[in-house]
Protein backbone atom coordinates (compact mmCIF):
# COMPACT_ATOMS: atom_id res chain seq x y z
CA MET A 1 140.07 163.36 51.31
CA THR A 2 139.14 165.23 54.47
CA HIS A 3 139.97 163.88 57.91
CA LEU A 4 136.28 163.39 58.77
CA ARG A 5 135.58 161.51 55.55
CA LYS A 6 138.58 159.25 56.19
CA LEU A 7 137.38 158.54 59.74
CA MET A 8 133.87 157.71 58.56
CA LEU A 9 135.11 155.39 55.82
CA GLU A 10 137.32 153.59 58.32
CA GLU A 11 134.38 153.08 60.70
CA LEU A 12 132.21 151.77 57.85
CA GLU A 13 134.95 149.42 56.66
CA ARG A 14 135.56 148.13 60.20
CA ARG A 15 131.91 147.08 60.33
CA ASN A 16 132.09 145.49 56.86
CA TYR A 17 129.26 147.56 55.41
CA SER A 18 128.41 146.94 51.76
CA GLN A 19 129.76 149.31 49.13
CA SER A 20 126.27 150.57 48.31
CA THR A 21 125.64 151.43 51.97
CA VAL A 22 129.03 153.14 52.22
CA ARG A 23 128.23 155.30 49.17
CA THR A 24 124.79 156.20 50.51
CA TYR A 25 126.06 157.12 53.98
CA VAL A 26 128.94 159.24 52.70
CA ARG A 27 126.75 161.07 50.18
CA THR A 28 124.15 161.77 52.86
CA VAL A 29 126.70 163.43 55.16
CA GLU A 30 128.06 165.44 52.23
CA ASP A 31 124.55 166.60 51.29
CA PHE A 32 123.79 167.44 54.93
CA ALA A 33 126.90 169.63 55.17
CA GLN A 34 126.25 171.30 51.81
CA TYR A 35 122.70 172.18 52.78
CA PHE A 36 123.92 174.17 55.79
CA LYS A 37 127.22 175.21 54.12
CA ARG A 38 129.12 174.16 57.23
CA PRO A 39 131.36 171.22 58.19
CA PRO A 40 129.16 168.36 59.47
CA ASP A 41 130.95 168.16 62.83
CA GLN A 42 129.73 171.71 63.54
CA LEU A 43 126.08 170.68 63.19
CA GLY A 44 123.75 169.13 65.76
CA PRO A 45 120.25 167.73 66.47
CA GLU A 46 118.46 170.97 65.57
CA HIS A 47 120.12 170.89 62.14
CA ILE A 48 119.13 167.25 61.64
CA ARG A 49 115.49 168.09 62.38
CA GLU A 50 115.58 170.94 59.86
CA TYR A 51 117.27 168.67 57.30
CA GLN A 52 114.60 165.98 57.76
CA ALA A 53 111.86 168.53 57.17
CA TYR A 54 113.70 169.77 54.07
CA LEU A 55 113.92 166.23 52.66
CA PHE A 56 110.17 165.79 53.07
CA ARG A 57 109.03 169.28 52.09
CA GLU A 58 111.35 170.25 49.24
CA ARG A 59 112.99 167.04 48.04
CA LYS A 60 109.69 165.13 48.29
CA LEU A 61 111.43 161.97 49.54
CA ASP A 62 109.32 159.23 51.08
CA ALA A 63 109.53 158.25 54.75
CA ASN A 64 111.61 155.13 54.14
CA THR A 65 114.27 157.11 52.25
CA VAL A 66 114.38 159.78 54.97
CA ASN A 67 114.77 156.96 57.48
CA GLN A 68 117.83 155.75 55.59
CA ARG A 69 119.28 159.28 55.53
CA THR A 70 118.64 159.61 59.26
CA GLY A 71 120.44 156.32 59.85
CA ALA A 72 123.44 157.63 57.92
CA LEU A 73 123.58 160.77 60.06
CA ARG A 74 123.21 158.74 63.22
CA PHE A 75 126.16 156.59 62.15
CA PHE A 76 128.23 159.70 61.48
CA PHE A 77 127.52 161.30 64.86
CA VAL A 78 127.70 158.12 66.97
CA ALA A 79 130.36 156.00 65.24
CA THR A 80 132.55 158.71 63.69
CA LEU A 81 132.24 161.68 66.06
CA LYS A 82 131.56 159.52 69.16
CA LYS A 83 128.69 161.78 70.18
CA GLY A 84 125.43 160.85 71.86
CA TRP A 85 122.17 160.43 69.94
CA SER A 86 118.74 160.97 71.42
CA ILE A 87 115.78 159.29 69.72
CA ALA A 88 113.51 161.73 71.54
CA GLU A 89 115.33 164.71 70.00
CA THR A 90 115.84 163.14 66.59
CA PRO A 91 113.10 160.56 65.95
CA TYR A 92 112.99 158.35 62.90
CA PRO A 93 110.03 159.12 60.61
CA ARG A 94 107.25 156.57 60.73
CA LYS A 95 107.79 153.99 58.00
CA VAL A 96 105.29 153.64 55.19
CA PHE A 97 104.27 150.18 53.98
CA ARG A 98 103.20 150.02 50.36
CA LEU A 99 102.49 146.92 48.32
CA PRO A 100 104.75 146.81 45.25
CA LYS A 101 103.33 146.65 41.75
CA ILE A 102 103.12 143.19 40.23
CA LEU A 103 102.96 142.39 36.53
CA SER A 104 101.15 139.37 35.15
CA PRO A 105 103.26 136.75 33.32
CA GLU A 106 101.86 138.12 30.07
CA GLN A 107 102.96 141.64 30.98
CA VAL A 108 106.44 140.38 31.90
CA ALA A 109 106.65 138.78 28.45
CA ARG A 110 105.64 142.10 26.88
CA LEU A 111 108.28 143.90 28.91
CA ILE A 112 111.06 141.53 27.84
CA ASP A 113 109.98 141.57 24.19
CA ALA A 114 109.96 145.39 24.24
CA ALA A 115 113.64 145.65 25.20
CA PRO A 116 115.31 148.04 22.71
CA THR A 117 118.53 145.98 22.40
CA PRO A 118 119.49 142.29 22.71
CA PHE A 119 121.70 143.21 25.69
CA TYR A 120 118.81 144.88 27.53
CA ARG A 121 116.60 141.90 26.71
CA MET A 122 119.20 139.60 28.25
CA LEU A 123 119.32 141.66 31.43
CA LEU A 124 115.54 141.64 31.81
CA MET A 125 115.33 137.90 31.24
CA ALA A 126 118.04 137.31 33.84
CA LEU A 127 116.30 139.53 36.40
CA TYR A 128 112.99 137.70 36.04
CA ALA A 129 114.53 134.22 35.84
CA THR A 130 116.57 134.62 39.04
CA GLY A 131 114.91 137.26 41.22
CA LEU A 132 118.27 138.93 41.77
CA ARG A 133 118.72 142.51 42.90
CA ARG A 134 120.17 144.70 40.16
CA ALA A 135 123.51 145.05 42.00
CA GLU A 136 123.73 141.26 42.34
CA LEU A 137 123.00 140.81 38.64
CA ALA A 138 125.59 143.39 37.62
CA ARG A 139 128.33 141.63 39.64
CA LEU A 140 127.73 138.13 38.31
CA LYS A 141 130.81 136.42 36.91
CA VAL A 142 130.98 133.83 34.16
CA SER A 143 132.28 131.37 36.77
CA ASP A 144 129.07 131.87 38.80
CA ILE A 145 127.06 130.07 36.11
CA ASP A 146 127.11 126.38 37.09
CA SER A 147 125.54 124.57 34.14
CA GLU A 148 126.33 121.14 35.61
CA ARG A 149 124.27 121.70 38.76
CA MET A 150 121.98 124.19 36.98
CA VAL A 151 122.43 126.87 39.64
CA ILE A 152 123.80 130.40 39.74
CA HIS A 153 126.13 131.28 42.60
CA VAL A 154 125.32 134.72 44.01
CA LYS A 155 128.36 135.92 45.93
CA GLY A 156 128.37 138.85 48.31
CA GLY A 157 124.68 139.64 48.05
CA LYS A 158 122.88 141.99 50.40
CA GLY A 159 124.33 141.63 53.88
CA ARG A 160 127.49 140.11 52.33
CA LYS A 161 125.74 136.75 52.08
CA ASP A 162 126.28 134.09 49.42
CA ARG A 163 123.42 131.99 48.08
CA ASP A 164 122.46 129.86 45.08
CA VAL A 165 119.47 130.37 42.79
CA MET A 166 118.12 128.18 40.05
CA LEU A 167 119.55 128.38 36.54
CA SER A 168 116.67 128.25 34.12
CA PRO A 169 117.40 126.05 31.07
CA LYS A 170 115.75 128.74 28.95
CA LEU A 171 117.98 131.44 30.46
CA LEU A 172 121.08 129.29 29.90
CA ASP A 173 120.15 128.80 26.25
CA GLU A 174 119.53 132.54 25.80
CA LEU A 175 122.87 133.36 27.47
CA ARG A 176 124.72 131.03 25.11
CA GLN A 177 123.04 132.58 22.07
CA TYR A 178 123.85 136.05 23.39
CA TRP A 179 127.53 135.14 23.93
CA ARG A 180 127.83 133.82 20.37
CA GLY A 181 126.85 137.24 19.06
CA LEU A 182 129.49 139.14 21.03
CA ARG A 183 132.69 140.44 19.44
CA ARG A 184 134.63 139.01 22.35
CA ARG A 185 133.25 136.52 24.83
CA PRO A 186 133.36 137.54 28.51
CA LYS A 187 136.16 135.99 30.56
CA VAL A 188 135.40 137.40 34.01
CA TRP A 189 132.16 139.36 34.24
CA LEU A 190 128.95 137.90 32.86
CA PHE A 191 127.83 141.39 31.80
CA PRO A 192 130.98 143.47 31.17
CA GLY A 193 130.83 147.22 30.84
CA ASN A 194 131.62 149.63 27.97
CA ARG A 195 129.78 150.10 24.68
CA TRP A 196 130.71 146.71 23.24
CA HIS A 197 130.38 144.86 26.58
CA THR A 198 134.01 143.80 26.58
CA GLY A 199 135.28 145.95 29.47
CA GLU A 200 137.39 144.90 32.42
CA ARG A 201 134.70 146.00 34.88
CA PRO A 202 131.04 144.95 35.21
CA ILE A 203 128.18 147.11 34.03
CA ASP A 204 126.92 149.85 36.32
CA THR A 205 123.62 149.19 38.08
CA LYS A 206 122.17 152.20 36.25
CA VAL A 207 122.38 150.18 33.03
CA VAL A 208 119.99 147.61 34.53
CA TRP A 209 117.68 150.44 35.60
CA HIS A 210 117.63 152.00 32.13
CA ALA A 211 116.99 148.61 30.50
CA CYS A 212 113.87 148.17 32.60
CA ARG A 213 112.55 151.70 32.25
CA GLN A 214 113.01 151.88 28.48
CA ALA A 215 111.38 148.51 27.92
CA ALA A 216 108.46 149.45 30.19
CA GLN A 217 107.83 152.65 28.23
CA ARG A 218 108.01 150.83 24.89
CA ALA A 219 105.60 148.17 26.21
CA GLY A 220 103.17 150.79 27.51
CA LEU A 221 103.42 149.55 31.10
CA GLY A 222 103.97 152.96 32.70
CA ASP A 223 106.81 154.77 34.40
CA ASP A 224 106.70 152.91 37.73
CA ILE A 225 108.40 149.73 36.52
CA HIS A 226 111.97 149.19 37.75
CA PRO A 227 114.36 146.24 38.24
CA HIS A 228 112.94 145.40 41.68
CA THR A 229 109.51 144.98 40.05
CA LEU A 230 110.82 141.89 38.27
CA ARG A 231 112.17 140.57 41.58
CA HIS A 232 108.68 140.96 43.08
CA CYS A 233 107.15 139.28 40.01
CA PHE A 234 109.63 136.39 40.30
CA ALA A 235 108.60 135.71 43.91
CA THR A 236 104.86 136.22 43.40
CA HIS A 237 104.68 134.02 40.33
CA LEU A 238 106.67 131.29 42.10
CA LEU A 239 104.19 131.40 44.98
CA GLU A 240 101.25 131.18 42.61
CA ASP A 241 102.90 128.17 40.93
CA GLY A 242 103.08 126.30 44.24
CA ALA A 243 106.50 127.16 45.71
CA ASP A 244 106.53 127.48 49.50
CA LEU A 245 107.50 130.67 51.32
CA ARG A 246 110.63 129.15 52.88
CA THR A 247 112.02 128.24 49.44
CA ILE A 248 111.24 131.72 48.12
CA GLN A 249 112.92 133.25 51.18
CA ILE A 250 116.12 131.34 50.44
CA LEU A 251 116.05 132.23 46.74
CA LEU A 252 115.56 135.93 47.48
CA GLY A 253 118.19 136.00 50.22
CA HIS A 254 115.78 137.40 52.82
CA ARG A 255 117.09 137.38 56.38
CA ASP A 256 113.66 136.91 57.93
CA LEU A 257 110.66 134.94 56.66
CA GLU A 258 108.48 137.92 57.58
CA GLU A 259 110.02 139.84 54.66
CA THR A 260 108.82 137.13 52.31
CA THR A 261 105.23 137.02 53.58
CA ILE A 262 104.52 140.23 51.64
CA TYR A 263 104.02 138.01 48.60
CA LEU A 264 100.96 136.45 50.23
CA HIS A 265 99.40 139.92 49.90
CA LEU A 266 100.39 140.07 46.23
CA SER A 267 99.37 136.59 45.09
CA LYS A 268 95.99 136.58 43.36
CA LEU A 269 95.82 132.80 43.79
CA HIS A 270 96.06 133.02 47.58
CA LEU A 271 93.71 135.98 47.83
CA SER A 272 91.02 134.41 45.66
CA ALA A 273 91.33 131.09 47.53
CA THR A 274 90.46 132.78 50.81
CA ALA A 275 86.71 133.03 51.36
CA SER A 276 85.12 136.11 52.86
CA PRO A 277 83.35 135.50 56.21
CA LEU A 278 80.25 137.00 54.59
CA ASP A 279 79.90 133.83 52.51
CA LYS A 280 79.19 131.78 55.66
CA LEU A 281 76.46 133.98 57.16
CA PRO A 282 72.97 132.38 57.12
CA LEU A 283 71.27 135.47 55.74
CA SER A 284 67.68 135.37 54.57
CA ALA A 285 66.95 136.35 51.01
CA ALA A 286 66.50 140.07 50.57
CA GLU A 287 63.03 141.15 49.53
CA THR A 288 62.61 143.79 46.88
CA LYS A 289 60.19 146.46 48.07
CA ARG A 290 58.16 148.46 45.60
CA GLU A 291 57.67 152.16 46.14
């Protein structure tokens, strides 16, 4: 481990950043240095600007991803190297707001039924039933399933926050059936790793990703379906079934209610219930003119 890498890891740990953020920040600095084939402490603002352009032009990354990479470099220069950072010299790219894709309940059922293995089917059901992020799902422990209170304890979610989500009776029944079919029942992790799902470590988040992508292709739903799609479906379908935004915010673990209001844009029920102002105009009947 190089001295710079050690310093950066220490600064990240001191601030209690999540492991996923630590990995992203460290990889970004490594990629930045490899692109210029020079140690990162020998690079400056002009190199960052060139690197940003490269990420857009050649890597075809979207603005939000480049923003994250820029944040990682800012952390490295400010927190690790103790250097100044000028927003004027190194601006953050303008963020792009896109509405996520939402599946209908019938399409979600098709997705789950198209899972190529019982294990993948279980993962997809759990994602949709809880609205968890894929990293949160992968780190669930058997002890997090509280069948007496019918809740799932999510520990160390995004922002290192704990929360509870509902435990669907249907999901609980499916989990019990799934456990009965295992060679060895899990003792620690709800979804253990290795081929037989009996490992000492949890599954990698990539497993959750592959489960979703393979099922989507088999169901004919396209290539743009991923684990977060089911999280969006969970929230949107709850809203359409009458749940209030504050409850959905708590279930999703959003810091700000504004994050949750995106589902008002996605809910067909709320959109169709809102009348267009055109409907209230006292217009006279249009006359059809003959040529």
